[in-house]
Amino acid sequence: MKEKTNRFQLTNFNDIEVKEVEWLWKPYFPMGKISFIAGDPGSGKSFQTILLASIVSNGDKLPLSEVNAPKGVVIIQNGEDGAGDTIKKRLISFHANYDNIYMIDLKKEHEESRDIMLSDVSELDQLFEEIKPKLVIFDPITAFLGDVDMNSATKTRLLLKPIGKLAEKHNCAIVFVIHRNKGLTGSNQIYRLLGSIDFGGIARSIVTIAKGNDEMLFIHTKSNLAERGKTLAFRLIDDKIEWLGERDYEEEQPIISETKRPRDIAKDFILEYLAEHKKSEFKNMVANAEKIGISSKTLDRAKDDLRDDNIIAKKKENNIWYWYLVDSNSPKPHI
């Protein structure tokens, strides 16, 4: 019988060198680590990633700071916005250095295969080695999970741990964009991340983008490697970000008086879910809505409201009814 080889060894801390943390933007985004930008739809999360990419591509000054970002290569993987009609336009608006910005695309001979996922660690490793990025953005993280259940702590940790090692190996900042639960308000914002609580546990830093009074807030929700940064205020104006200054913010205070009715929260959920999944059986929407505290009864009423307003409709495929967003390209609804 072949003797089993022990894969592990003991390492004494006398042999471990002390390392200082390097920063892409101190204290919000450390190098060699995983960070998150969280927020509700329309809050400006993607604008912030494009701005950050543009700043790093040029080595420009960071917002409300006299410190310049390290100049280098950026990878932007966006699973929602078009490369030409949205991302490039925003890069132009922010005066990015396009020579330093890339996206990971399929080779022509492999165009029938799926796009790159977080599970493709070896391929990501090769690409990182090739261009040595300072910043890598995945927006949103849900578009790159593949078949992994985002509500499973074990599976998400197993998926993201190798990604954290990639960040450390290549000394790049990896930033994930993630949506927030709509069914919860106030309290510690880490618990509002959509999916497994392990997303918040794995991240070394989390920035939350949220509404304030007549402005948007850039809130440092979690910081493991330095003191938490100041809350920054900004406005989105004509595809640009206007920074307004620092603000006082306590973690426990509500970010905004979120007084939406449960049915309105359910409507937002349906619209976001169908925008991401294109079509869905209602039972699947119910199952996912209940995970964030939206009842099936409330979701059903919200669905009826959206249908009556001709915002969503349903069609039958292979004897299964699917709901989808109504637009000019959609087939005639079967109501």
C-alpha atoms as a PDB file:
ATOM      1  CA  MET A   1       0.000   0.000   0.000  1.00  0.00           C
ATOM      2  CA  LYS A   2       1.340   3.420  -0.958  1.00  0.00           C
ATOM      3  CA  GLU A   3       2.140   5.518   2.081  1.00  0.00           C
ATOM      4  CA  LYS A   4       0.174   8.751   2.252  1.00  0.00           C
ATOM      5  CA  THR A   5       2.389  11.839   1.951  1.00  0.00           C
ATOM      6  CA  ASN A   6       1.879  14.634   4.420  1.00  0.00           C
ATOM      7  CA  ARG A   7       1.313  17.824   2.402  1.00  0.00           C
ATOM      8  CA  PHE A   8       1.854  20.114   5.359  1.00  0.00           C
ATOM      9  CA  GLN A   9       4.820  21.447   7.323  1.00  0.00           C
ATOM     10  CA  LEU A  10       5.380  23.655  10.339  1.00  0.00           C
ATOM     11  CA  THR A  11       6.787  27.140   9.786  1.00  0.00           C
ATOM     12  CA  ASN A  12       8.328  28.982  12.709  1.00  0.00           C
ATOM     13  CA  PHE A  13       7.602  32.693  12.994  1.00  0.00           C
ATOM     14  CA  ASN A  14      11.345  33.364  13.243  1.00  0.00           C
ATOM     15  CA  ASP A  15      11.369  32.605   9.499  1.00  0.00           C
ATOM     16  CA  ILE A  16       8.547  34.992   8.623  1.00  0.00           C
ATOM     17  CA  GLU A  17       9.482  38.517   7.564  1.00  0.00           C
ATOM     18  CA  VAL A  18       7.458  41.505   8.696  1.00  0.00           C
ATOM     19  CA  LYS A  19       5.824  43.245   5.728  1.00  0.00           C
ATOM     20  CA  GLU A  20       4.303  46.688   5.551  1.00  0.00           C
ATOM     21  CA  VAL A  21       0.978  47.017   3.750  1.00  0.00           C
ATOM     22  CA  GLU A  22       1.153  48.796   0.409  1.00  0.00           C
ATOM     23  CA  TRP A  23      -1.800  50.837  -0.731  1.00  0.00           C
ATOM     24  CA  LEU A  24      -3.630  51.645  -3.926  1.00  0.00           C
ATOM     25  CA  TRP A  25      -5.647  54.243  -1.995  1.00  0.00           C
ATOM     26  CA  LYS A  26      -4.995  54.372   1.751  1.00  0.00           C
ATOM     27  CA  PRO A  27      -6.920  53.271   3.767  1.00  0.00           C
ATOM     28  CA  TYR A  28      -9.687  52.221   1.364  1.00  0.00           C
ATOM     29  CA  PHE A  29      -7.995  49.796  -1.059  1.00  0.00           C
ATOM     30  CA  PRO A  30      -4.882  47.821  -0.030  1.00  0.00           C
ATOM     31  CA  MET A  31      -2.523  46.194  -2.512  1.00  0.00           C
ATOM     32  CA  GLY A  32      -2.286  42.418  -2.494  1.00  0.00           C
ATOM     33  CA  LYS A  33      -5.725  42.041  -0.912  1.00  0.00           C
ATOM     34  CA  ILE A  34      -9.427  41.689  -1.728  1.00  0.00           C
ATOM     35  CA  SER A  35     -11.720  44.680  -1.215  1.00  0.00           C
ATOM     36  CA  PHE A  36     -15.414  45.288  -1.920  1.00  0.00           C
ATOM     37  CA  ILE A  37     -17.481  48.235  -3.096  1.00  0.00           C
ATOM     38  CA  ALA A  38     -21.086  47.707  -1.986  1.00  0.00           C
ATOM     39  CA  GLY A  39     -24.266  49.625  -2.704  1.00  0.00           C
ATOM     40  CA  ASP A  40     -27.782  49.645  -4.074  1.00  0.00           C
ATOM     41  CA  PRO A  41     -28.511  49.792  -7.830  1.00  0.00           C
ATOM     42  CA  GLY A  42     -27.969  53.272  -9.217  1.00  0.00           C
ATOM     43  CA  SER A  43     -25.820  54.421  -6.293  1.00  0.00           C
ATOM     44  CA  GLY A  44     -22.715  54.971  -8.420  1.00  0.00           C
ATOM     45  CA  LYS A  45     -20.660  51.852  -7.626  1.00  0.00           C
ATOM     46  CA  SER A  46     -19.566  51.322 -11.215  1.00  0.00           C
ATOM     47  CA  PHE A  47     -18.796  55.013 -11.646  1.00  0.00           C
ATOM     48  CA  GLN A  48     -16.427  54.749  -8.695  1.00  0.00           C
ATOM     49  CA  THR A  49     -14.634  51.731 -10.182  1.00  0.00           C
ATOM     50  CA  ILE A  50     -14.197  53.477 -13.544  1.00  0.00           C
ATOM     51  CA  LEU A  51     -12.928  56.606 -11.808  1.00  0.00           C
ATOM     52  CA  LEU A  52     -10.471  54.551  -9.753  1.00  0.00           C
ATOM     53  CA  ALA A  53      -9.314  52.704 -12.882  1.00  0.00           C
ATOM     54  CA  SER A  54      -8.755  56.020 -14.655  1.00  0.00           C
ATOM     55  CA  ILE A  55      -6.804  57.476 -11.745  1.00  0.00           C
ATOM     56  CA  VAL A  56      -4.529  54.415 -11.506  1.00  0.00           C
ATOM     57  CA  SER A  57      -4.007  54.325 -15.288  1.00  0.00           C
ATOM     58  CA  ASN A  58      -2.513  57.828 -15.076  1.00  0.00           C
ATOM     59  CA  GLY A  59      -1.083  57.790 -11.561  1.00  0.00           C
ATOM     60  CA  ASP A  60      -3.237  60.836 -10.784  1.00  0.00           C
ATOM     61  CA  LYS A  61      -4.105  62.331  -7.402  1.00  0.00           C
ATOM     62  CA  LEU A  62      -6.688  60.426  -5.387  1.00  0.00           C
ATOM     63  CA  PRO A  63     -10.006  62.117  -4.506  1.00  0.00           C
ATOM     64  CA  LEU A  64      -9.779  64.807  -1.797  1.00  0.00           C
ATOM     65  CA  SER A  65      -6.093  63.978  -1.354  1.00  0.00           C
ATOM     66  CA  GLU A  66      -2.651  65.281  -2.220  1.00  0.00           C
ATOM     67  CA  VAL A  67      -1.409  61.700  -2.675  1.00  0.00           C
ATOM     68  CA  ASN A  68      -1.091  60.124  -6.119  1.00  0.00           C
ATOM     69  CA  ALA A  69      -2.210  56.585  -6.846  1.00  0.00           C
ATOM     70  CA  PRO A  70       0.490  54.170  -8.023  1.00  0.00           C
ATOM     71  CA  LYS A  71       0.480  54.323 -11.822  1.00  0.00           C
ATOM     72  CA  GLY A  72      -0.062  50.992 -13.522  1.00  0.00           C
ATOM     73  CA  VAL A  73      -2.172  48.566 -15.486  1.00  0.00           C
ATOM     74  CA  VAL A  74      -5.867  47.987 -14.710  1.00  0.00           C
ATOM     75  CA  ILE A  75      -8.180  45.114 -15.658  1.00  0.00           C
ATOM     76  CA  ILE A  76     -11.914  45.882 -15.758  1.00  0.00           C
ATOM     77  CA  GLN A  77     -14.287  42.913 -15.916  1.00  0.00           C
ATOM     78  CA  ASN A  78     -17.835  44.213 -16.085  1.00  0.00           C
ATOM     79  CA  GLY A  79     -20.681  41.727 -16.395  1.00  0.00           C
ATOM     80  CA  GLU A  80     -23.468  44.279 -16.835  1.00  0.00           C
ATOM     81  CA  ASP A  81     -22.316  47.251 -18.935  1.00  0.00           C
ATOM     82  CA  GLY A  82     -21.201  47.270 -22.563  1.00  0.00           C
ATOM     83  CA  ALA A  83     -17.485  47.806 -23.225  1.00  0.00           C
ATOM     84  CA  GLY A  84     -18.045  50.332 -26.008  1.00  0.00           C
ATOM     85  CA  ASP A  85     -21.317  52.050 -25.230  1.00  0.00           C
ATOM     86  CA  THR A  86     -20.806  52.490 -21.471  1.00  0.00           C
ATOM     87  CA  ILE A  87     -17.381  51.675 -20.047  1.00  0.00           C
ATOM     88  CA  LYS A  88     -15.277  53.341 -22.775  1.00  0.00           C
ATOM     89  CA  LYS A  89     -17.493  56.434 -22.660  1.00  0.00           C
ATOM     90  CA  ARG A  90     -16.962  56.728 -18.909  1.00  0.00           C
ATOM     91  CA  LEU A  91     -13.217  56.213 -19.308  1.00  0.00           C
ATOM     92  CA  ILE A  92     -13.202  59.059 -21.824  1.00  0.00           C
ATOM     93  CA  SER A  93     -15.126  61.237 -19.377  1.00  0.00           C
ATOM     94  CA  PHE A  94     -12.510  60.556 -16.685  1.00  0.00           C
ATOM     95  CA  HIS A  95      -9.554  61.101 -19.094  1.00  0.00           C
ATOM     96  CA  ALA A  96      -8.175  57.585 -18.602  1.00  0.00           C
ATOM     97  CA  ASN A  97      -4.926  56.340 -20.112  1.00  0.00           C
ATOM     98  CA  TYR A  98      -6.294  53.547 -22.335  1.00  0.00           C
ATOM     99  CA  ASP A  99      -2.818  52.072 -22.858  1.00  0.00           C
ATOM    100  CA  ASN A 100      -2.995  50.884 -19.266  1.00  0.00           C
ATOM    101  CA  ILE A 101      -6.558  49.490 -19.213  1.00  0.00           C
ATOM    102  CA  TYR A 102      -7.608  46.010 -20.338  1.00  0.00           C
ATOM    103  CA  MET A 103     -10.550  43.630 -20.267  1.00  0.00           C
ATOM    104  CA  ILE A 104     -10.332  39.840 -20.403  1.00  0.00           C
ATOM    105  CA  ASP A 105     -11.998  38.635 -23.586  1.00  0.00           C
ATOM    106  CA  LEU A 106     -12.336  35.287 -25.328  1.00  0.00           C
ATOM    107  CA  LYS A 107      -9.953  34.381 -28.125  1.00  0.00           C
ATOM    108  CA  LYS A 108     -11.690  34.063 -31.499  1.00  0.00           C
ATOM    109  CA  GLU A 109     -11.197  30.301 -31.604  1.00  0.00           C
ATOM    110  CA  HIS A 110     -12.919  29.999 -28.217  1.00  0.00           C
ATOM    111  CA  GLU A 111     -15.836  32.372 -28.701  1.00  0.00           C
ATOM    112  CA  GLU A 112     -18.359  29.590 -28.122  1.00  0.00           C
ATOM    113  CA  SER A 113     -17.043  28.891 -24.600  1.00  0.00           C
ATOM    114  CA  ARG A 114     -18.083  30.713 -21.443  1.00  0.00           C
ATOM    115  CA  ASP A 115     -16.486  33.929 -20.232  1.00  0.00           C
ATOM    116  CA  ILE A 116     -13.802  33.869 -17.569  1.00  0.00           C
ATOM    117  CA  MET A 117     -14.948  33.065 -14.024  1.00  0.00           C
ATOM    118  CA  LEU A 118     -13.302  33.342 -10.618  1.00  0.00           C
ATOM    119  CA  SER A 119     -12.778  29.581 -10.674  1.00  0.00           C
ATOM    120  CA  ASP A 120     -10.366  29.999 -13.622  1.00  0.00           C
ATOM    121  CA  VAL A 121      -7.482  30.675 -11.251  1.00  0.00           C
ATOM    122  CA  SER A 122      -4.655  29.319 -13.414  1.00  0.00           C
ATOM    123  CA  GLU A 123      -5.765  31.373 -16.431  1.00  0.00           C
ATOM    124  CA  LEU A 124      -6.135  34.503 -14.312  1.00  0.00           C
ATOM    125  CA  ASP A 125      -2.668  33.833 -12.918  1.00  0.00           C
ATOM    126  CA  GLN A 126      -1.190  33.702 -16.446  1.00  0.00           C
ATOM    127  CA  LEU A 127      -2.934  36.906 -17.502  1.00  0.00           C
ATOM    128  CA  PHE A 128      -1.829  38.741 -14.344  1.00  0.00           C
ATOM    129  CA  GLU A 129       1.730  37.553 -14.926  1.00  0.00           C
ATOM    130  CA  GLU A 130       1.596  38.883 -18.477  1.00  0.00           C
ATOM    131  CA  ILE A 131       0.566  42.479 -17.731  1.00  0.00           C
ATOM    132  CA  LYS A 132       1.201  42.781 -13.947  1.00  0.00           C
ATOM    133  CA  PRO A 133      -1.908  44.808 -13.014  1.00  0.00           C
ATOM    134  CA  LYS A 134      -2.059  47.219 -10.096  1.00  0.00           C
ATOM    135  CA  LEU A 135      -5.869  47.018  -9.968  1.00  0.00           C
ATOM    136  CA  VAL A 136      -8.358  44.310 -11.015  1.00  0.00           C
ATOM    137  CA  ILE A 137     -12.103  45.008 -10.923  1.00  0.00           C
ATOM    138  CA  PHE A 138     -14.924  42.444 -11.086  1.00  0.00           C
ATOM    139  CA  ASP A 139     -18.278  44.217 -11.418  1.00  0.00           C
ATOM    140  CA  PRO A 140     -20.489  42.725 -10.083  1.00  0.00           C
ATOM    141  CA  ILE A 141     -19.082  39.662  -8.326  1.00  0.00           C
ATOM    142  CA  THR A 142     -22.296  37.717  -9.032  1.00  0.00           C
ATOM    143  CA  ALA A 143     -21.491  37.718 -12.764  1.00  0.00           C
ATOM    144  CA  PHE A 144     -18.268  35.780 -12.139  1.00  0.00           C
ATOM    145  CA  LEU A 145     -19.319  33.150  -9.601  1.00  0.00           C
ATOM    146  CA  GLY A 146     -20.402  30.567 -12.167  1.00  0.00           C
ATOM    147  CA  ASP A 147     -22.410  27.763 -10.564  1.00  0.00           C
ATOM    148  CA  VAL A 148     -21.270  28.623  -7.025  1.00  0.00           C
ATOM    149  CA  ASP A 149     -24.123  29.359  -4.599  1.00  0.00           C
ATOM    150  CA  MET A 150     -23.413  32.890  -3.356  1.00  0.00           C
ATOM    151  CA  ASN A 151     -25.336  32.159  -0.147  1.00  0.00           C
ATOM    152  CA  SER A 152     -23.053  29.260   0.808  1.00  0.00           C
ATOM    153  CA  ALA A 153     -20.309  30.405   3.176  1.00  0.00           C
ATOM    154  CA  THR A 154     -18.197  27.310   2.511  1.00  0.00           C
ATOM    155  CA  LYS A 155     -18.396  27.528  -1.280  1.00  0.00           C
ATOM    156  CA  THR A 156     -17.778  31.271  -1.502  1.00  0.00           C
ATOM    157  CA  ARG A 157     -14.770  31.041   0.809  1.00  0.00           C
ATOM    158  CA  LEU A 158     -13.297  28.142  -1.197  1.00  0.00           C
ATOM    159  CA  LEU A 159     -13.800  30.175  -4.381  1.00  0.00           C
ATOM    160  CA  LEU A 160     -12.338  33.447  -3.128  1.00  0.00           C
ATOM    161  CA  LYS A 161      -9.407  32.140  -1.075  1.00  0.00           C
ATOM    162  CA  PRO A 162      -7.336  31.353  -4.232  1.00  0.00           C
ATOM    163  CA  ILE A 163      -8.260  34.794  -5.599  1.00  0.00           C
ATOM    164  CA  GLY A 164      -6.859  36.343  -2.426  1.00  0.00           C
ATOM    165  CA  LYS A 165      -3.641  34.394  -2.988  1.00  0.00           C
ATOM    166  CA  LEU A 166      -3.502  35.718  -6.560  1.00  0.00           C
ATOM    167  CA  ALA A 167      -3.810  39.275  -5.250  1.00  0.00           C
ATOM    168  CA  GLU A 168      -0.966  38.634  -2.820  1.00  0.00           C
ATOM    169  CA  LYS A 169       1.236  36.880  -5.397  1.00  0.00           C
ATOM    170  CA  HIS A 170       0.909  39.667  -7.964  1.00  0.00           C
ATOM    171  CA  ASN A 171       0.639  42.487  -5.392  1.00  0.00           C
ATOM    172  CA  CYS A 172      -2.481  43.898  -6.998  1.00  0.00           C
ATOM    173  CA  ALA A 173      -5.647  45.290  -5.480  1.00  0.00           C
ATOM    174  CA  ILE A 174      -8.652  43.145  -6.415  1.00  0.00           C
ATOM    175  CA  VAL A 175     -11.931  45.023  -6.018  1.00  0.00           C
ATOM    176  CA  PHE A 176     -15.320  43.328  -6.240  1.00  0.00           C
ATOM    177  CA  VAL A 177     -18.569  45.227  -6.704  1.00  0.00           C
ATOM    178  CA  ILE A 178     -21.515  43.758  -4.801  1.00  0.00           C
ATOM    179  CA  HIS A 179     -25.142  44.724  -4.293  1.00  0.00           C
ATOM    180  CA  ARG A 180     -26.728  45.154  -0.876  1.00  0.00           C
ATOM    181  CA  ASN A 181     -29.766  43.417   0.585  1.00  0.00           C
ATOM    182  CA  LYS A 182     -32.852  45.566   0.209  1.00  0.00           C
ATOM    183  CA  GLY A 183     -34.751  43.894   3.009  1.00  0.00           C
ATOM    184  CA  LEU A 184     -32.495  45.259   5.749  1.00  0.00           C
ATOM    185  CA  THR A 185     -31.791  48.869   6.684  1.00  0.00           C
ATOM    186  CA  GLY A 186     -29.444  50.698   9.036  1.00  0.00           C
ATOM    187  CA  SER A 187     -27.296  48.663  11.424  1.00  0.00           C
ATOM    188  CA  ASN A 188     -23.856  47.324  10.502  1.00  0.00           C
ATOM    189  CA  GLN A 189     -23.553  47.612   6.721  1.00  0.00           C
ATOM    190  CA  ILE A 190     -21.442  44.437   6.431  1.00  0.00           C
ATOM    191  CA  TYR A 191     -24.582  42.403   7.122  1.00  0.00           C
ATOM    192  CA  ARG A 192     -26.299  44.032   4.151  1.00  0.00           C
ATOM    193  CA  LEU A 193     -23.978  42.495   1.553  1.00  0.00           C
ATOM    194  CA  LEU A 194     -25.954  40.328  -0.857  1.00  0.00           C
ATOM    195  CA  GLY A 195     -25.131  36.647  -0.425  1.00  0.00           C
ATOM    196  CA  SER A 196     -22.942  34.895   2.123  1.00  0.00           C
ATOM    197  CA  ILE A 197     -21.664  36.782   5.169  1.00  0.00           C
ATOM    198  CA  ASP A 198     -18.282  35.311   4.208  1.00  0.00           C
ATOM    199  CA  PHE A 199     -18.009  37.969   1.489  1.00  0.00           C
ATOM    200  CA  GLY A 200     -17.628  40.499   4.275  1.00  0.00           C
ATOM    201  CA  GLY A 201     -15.309  38.188   6.188  1.00  0.00           C
ATOM    202  CA  ILE A 202     -12.909  37.623   3.282  1.00  0.00           C
ATOM    203  CA  ALA A 203     -12.644  41.302   2.346  1.00  0.00           C
ATOM    204  CA  ARG A 204      -9.867  43.268   4.047  1.00  0.00           C
ATOM    205  CA  SER A 205     -11.691  46.483   3.245  1.00  0.00           C
ATOM    206  CA  ILE A 206     -15.259  47.377   2.301  1.00  0.00           C
ATOM    207  CA  VAL A 207     -16.533  50.692   0.966  1.00  0.00           C
ATOM    208  CA  THR A 208     -20.292  51.283   0.930  1.00  0.00           C
ATOM    209  CA  ILE A 209     -21.833  53.740  -1.539  1.00  0.00           C
ATOM    210  CA  ALA A 210     -25.129  55.081  -0.230  1.00  0.00           C
ATOM    211  CA  LYS A 211     -27.499  58.023  -0.304  1.00  0.00           C
ATOM    212  CA  GLY A 212     -27.134  60.845   2.178  1.00  0.00           C
ATOM    213  CA  ASN A 213     -29.084  64.071   2.358  1.00  0.00           C
ATOM    214  CA  ASP A 214     -28.916  65.513  -1.185  1.00  0.00           C
ATOM    215  CA  GLU A 215     -25.585  63.787  -1.813  1.00  0.00           C
ATOM    216  CA  MET A 216     -23.952  60.380  -2.072  1.00  0.00           C
ATOM    217  CA  LEU A 217     -21.681  58.956   0.619  1.00  0.00           C
ATOM    218  CA  PHE A 218     -18.479  56.941   0.182  1.00  0.00           C
ATOM    219  CA  ILE A 219     -18.365  55.124   3.542  1.00  0.00           C
ATOM    220  CA  HIS A 220     -15.474  53.000   4.780  1.00  0.00           C
ATOM    221  CA  THR A 221     -17.537  50.207   6.310  1.00  0.00           C
ATOM    222  CA  LYS A 222     -14.732  47.778   7.138  1.00  0.00           C
ATOM    223  CA  SER A 223     -10.970  48.136   7.488  1.00  0.00           C
ATOM    224  CA  ASN A 224      -8.703  45.355   8.744  1.00  0.00           C
ATOM    225  CA  LEU A 225      -5.343  46.893   7.868  1.00  0.00           C
ATOM    226  CA  ALA A 226      -5.582  50.520   8.951  1.00  0.00           C
ATOM    227  CA  GLU A 227      -7.865  52.925  10.775  1.00  0.00           C
ATOM    228  CA  ARG A 228     -11.160  53.350   9.018  1.00  0.00           C
ATOM    229  CA  GLY A 229     -11.080  56.157   6.459  1.00  0.00           C
ATOM    230  CA  LYS A 230     -13.177  59.291   6.442  1.00  0.00           C
ATOM    231  CA  THR A 231     -16.610  59.236   4.855  1.00  0.00           C
ATOM    232  CA  LEU A 232     -16.489  61.200   1.598  1.00  0.00           C
ATOM    233  CA  ALA A 233     -19.403  62.943  -0.085  1.00  0.00           C
ATOM    234  CA  PHE A 234     -19.920  63.224  -3.848  1.00  0.00           C
ATOM    235  CA  ARG A 235     -22.467  63.887  -6.590  1.00  0.00           C
ATOM    236  CA  LEU A 236     -22.910  62.276 -10.001  1.00  0.00           C
ATOM    237  CA  ILE A 237     -23.187  65.017 -12.625  1.00  0.00           C
ATOM    238  CA  ASP A 238     -23.190  64.354 -16.386  1.00  0.00           C
ATOM    239  CA  ASP A 239     -21.186  61.129 -16.191  1.00  0.00           C
ATOM    240  CA  LYS A 240     -18.681  62.717 -13.827  1.00  0.00           C
ATOM    241  CA  ILE A 241     -18.106  62.623 -10.081  1.00  0.00           C
ATOM    242  CA  GLU A 242     -17.981  65.871  -8.117  1.00  0.00           C
ATOM    243  CA  TRP A 243     -16.332  65.375  -4.718  1.00  0.00           C
ATOM    244  CA  LEU A 244     -17.878  67.543  -1.994  1.00  0.00           C
ATOM    245  CA  GLY A 245     -15.658  66.893   1.015  1.00  0.00           C
ATOM    246  CA  GLU A 246     -15.462  64.784   4.173  1.00  0.00           C
ATOM    247  CA  ARG A 247     -18.451  63.966   6.346  1.00  0.00           C
ATOM    248  CA  ASP A 248     -18.993  62.667   9.874  1.00  0.00           C
ATOM    249  CA  TYR A 249     -20.668  59.275   9.900  1.00  0.00           C
ATOM    250  CA  GLU A 250     -21.224  56.732  12.669  1.00  0.00           C
ATOM    251  CA  GLU A 251     -21.477  53.060  11.660  1.00  0.00           C
ATOM    252  CA  GLU A 252     -24.729  52.480  13.527  1.00  0.00           C
ATOM    253  CA  GLN A 253     -26.635  55.476  12.182  1.00  0.00           C
ATOM    254  CA  PRO A 254     -28.946  54.867   9.227  1.00  0.00           C
ATOM    255  CA  ILE A 255     -27.351  55.920   5.950  1.00  0.00           C
ATOM    256  CA  ILE A 256     -30.595  57.426   4.753  1.00  0.00           C
ATOM    257  CA  SER A 257     -34.171  57.498   5.897  1.00  0.00           C
ATOM    258  CA  GLU A 258     -35.006  54.379   3.889  1.00  0.00           C
ATOM    259  CA  THR A 259     -38.781  54.613   4.185  1.00  0.00           C
ATOM    260  CA  LYS A 260     -39.737  52.517   1.185  1.00  0.00           C
ATOM    261  CA  ARG A 261     -42.753  50.293   1.614  1.00  0.00           C
ATOM    262  CA  PRO A 262     -42.057  46.548   1.604  1.00  0.00           C
ATOM    263  CA  ARG A 263     -43.848  46.304  -1.749  1.00  0.00           C
ATOM    264  CA  ASP A 264     -41.561  48.963  -3.266  1.00  0.00           C
ATOM    265  CA  ILE A 265     -38.521  47.090  -1.950  1.00  0.00           C
ATOM    266  CA  ALA A 266     -39.938  43.952  -3.578  1.00  0.00           C
ATOM    267  CA  LYS A 267     -40.388  45.816  -6.878  1.00  0.00           C
ATOM    268  CA  ASP A 268     -36.747  46.891  -6.800  1.00  0.00           C
ATOM    269  CA  PHE A 269     -35.736  43.296  -6.162  1.00  0.00           C
ATOM    270  CA  ILE A 270     -37.745  41.987  -9.145  1.00  0.00           C
ATOM    271  CA  LEU A 271     -36.342  44.613 -11.502  1.00  0.00           C
ATOM    272  CA  GLU A 272     -32.759  43.966 -10.419  1.00  0.00           C
ATOM    273  CA  TYR A 273     -33.210  40.177 -10.514  1.00  0.00           C
ATOM    274  CA  LEU A 274     -34.677  40.191 -14.031  1.00  0.00           C
ATOM    275  CA  ALA A 275     -32.043  42.650 -15.260  1.00  0.00           C
ATOM    276  CA  GLU A 276     -29.381  40.183 -14.132  1.00  0.00           C
ATOM    277  CA  HIS A 277     -31.059  36.897 -15.123  1.00  0.00           C
ATOM    278  CA  LYS A 278     -32.977  38.138 -18.227  1.00  0.00           C
ATOM    279  CA  LYS A 279     -35.902  35.809 -17.436  1.00  0.00           C
ATOM    280  CA  SER A 280     -37.031  33.726 -14.485  1.00  0.00           C
ATOM    281  CA  GLU A 281     -39.774  31.508 -13.157  1.00  0.00           C
ATOM    282  CA  PHE A 282     -41.603  33.274 -10.368  1.00  0.00           C
ATOM    283  CA  LYS A 283     -40.779  30.498  -7.898  1.00  0.00           C
ATOM    284  CA  ASN A 284     -37.065  31.183  -8.375  1.00  0.00           C
ATOM    285  CA  MET A 285     -37.571  34.868  -7.656  1.00  0.00           C
ATOM    286  CA  VAL A 286     -39.528  33.958  -4.536  1.00  0.00           C
ATOM    287  CA  ALA A 287     -36.787  31.638  -3.286  1.00  0.00           C
ATOM    288  CA  ASN A 288     -34.129  34.340  -3.665  1.00  0.00           C
ATOM    289  CA  ALA A 289     -36.316  37.132  -2.291  1.00  0.00           C
ATOM    290  CA  GLU A 290     -37.093  35.192   0.872  1.00  0.00           C
ATOM    291  CA  LYS A 291     -33.357  34.932   1.588  1.00  0.00           C
ATOM    292  CA  ILE A 292     -33.234  38.698   2.064  1.00  0.00           C
ATOM    293  CA  GLY A 293     -36.469  39.018   4.019  1.00  0.00           C
ATOM    294  CA  ILE A 294     -39.047  39.674   1.277  1.00  0.00           C
ATOM    295  CA  SER A 295     -42.136  37.483   1.703  1.00  0.00           C
ATOM    296  CA  SER A 296     -43.713  35.586  -1.184  1.00  0.00           C
ATOM    297  CA  LYS A 297     -46.999  37.453  -0.660  1.00  0.00           C
ATOM    298  CA  THR A 298     -45.289  40.855  -0.901  1.00  0.00           C
ATOM    299  CA  LEU A 299     -43.343  39.745  -3.963  1.00  0.00           C
ATOM    300  CA  ASP A 300     -46.534  38.507  -5.634  1.00  0.00           C
ATOM    301  CA  ARG A 301     -48.204  41.883  -5.101  1.00  0.00           C
ATOM    302  CA  ALA A 302     -45.151  43.715  -6.387  1.00  0.00           C
ATOM    303  CA  LYS A 303     -45.114  41.475  -9.453  1.00  0.00           C
ATOM    304  CA  ASP A 304     -48.768  42.287 -10.174  1.00  0.00           C
ATOM    305  CA  ASP A 305     -48.064  46.028  -9.879  1.00  0.00           C
ATOM    306  CA  LEU A 306     -45.162  45.825 -12.330  1.00  0.00           C
ATOM    307  CA  ARG A 307     -47.229  43.726 -14.727  1.00  0.00           C
ATOM    308  CA  ASP A 308     -50.142  46.196 -14.596  1.00  0.00           C
ATOM    309  CA  ASP A 309     -47.688  49.009 -15.389  1.00  0.00           C
ATOM    310  CA  ASN A 310     -46.382  46.972 -18.367  1.00  0.00           C
ATOM    311  CA  ILE A 311     -42.866  46.913 -16.883  1.00  0.00           C
ATOM    312  CA  ILE A 312     -42.667  43.129 -16.723  1.00  0.00           C
ATOM    313  CA  ALA A 313     -44.524  40.388 -18.571  1.00  0.00           C
ATOM    314  CA  LYS A 314     -44.479  36.625 -18.902  1.00  0.00           C
ATOM    315  CA  LYS A 315     -44.103  34.228 -21.790  1.00  0.00           C
ATOM    316  CA  LYS A 316     -44.318  30.454 -22.119  1.00  0.00           C
ATOM    317  CA  GLU A 317     -41.359  28.349 -23.220  1.00  0.00           C
ATOM    318  CA  ASN A 318     -41.457  24.548 -23.196  1.00  0.00           C
ATOM    319  CA  ASN A 319     -44.599  24.647 -21.037  1.00  0.00           C
ATOM    320  CA  ILE A 320     -42.891  26.835 -18.428  1.00  0.00           C
ATOM    321  CA  TRP A 321     -43.927  30.433 -17.731  1.00  0.00           C
ATOM    322  CA  TYR A 322     -41.044  32.919 -17.492  1.00  0.00           C
ATOM    323  CA  TRP A 323     -41.129  36.551 -16.360  1.00  0.00           C
ATOM    324  CA  TYR A 324     -38.971  39.154 -18.117  1.00  0.00           C
ATOM    325  CA  LEU A 325     -38.525  42.921 -18.412  1.00  0.00           C
ATOM    326  CA  VAL A 326     -40.615  44.543 -21.141  1.00  0.00           C
ATOM    327  CA  ASP A 327     -38.653  46.560 -23.699  1.00  0.00           C
ATOM    328  CA  SER A 328     -38.720  47.290 -27.382  1.00  0.00           C
ATOM    329  CA  ASN A 329     -36.789  44.099 -28.202  1.00  0.00           C
ATOM    330  CA  SER A 330     -38.938  41.766 -26.160  1.00  0.00           C
ATOM    331  CA  PRO A 331     -41.482  39.413 -27.724  1.00  0.00           C
ATOM    332  CA  LYS A 332     -45.150  40.234 -27.348  1.00  0.00           C
ATOM    333  CA  PRO A 333     -46.148  39.318 -23.799  1.00  0.00           C
ATOM    334  CA  HIS A 334     -48.483  36.428 -23.066  1.00  0.00           C
ATOM    335  CA  ILE A 335     -50.546  37.678 -20.151  1.00  0.00           C
END
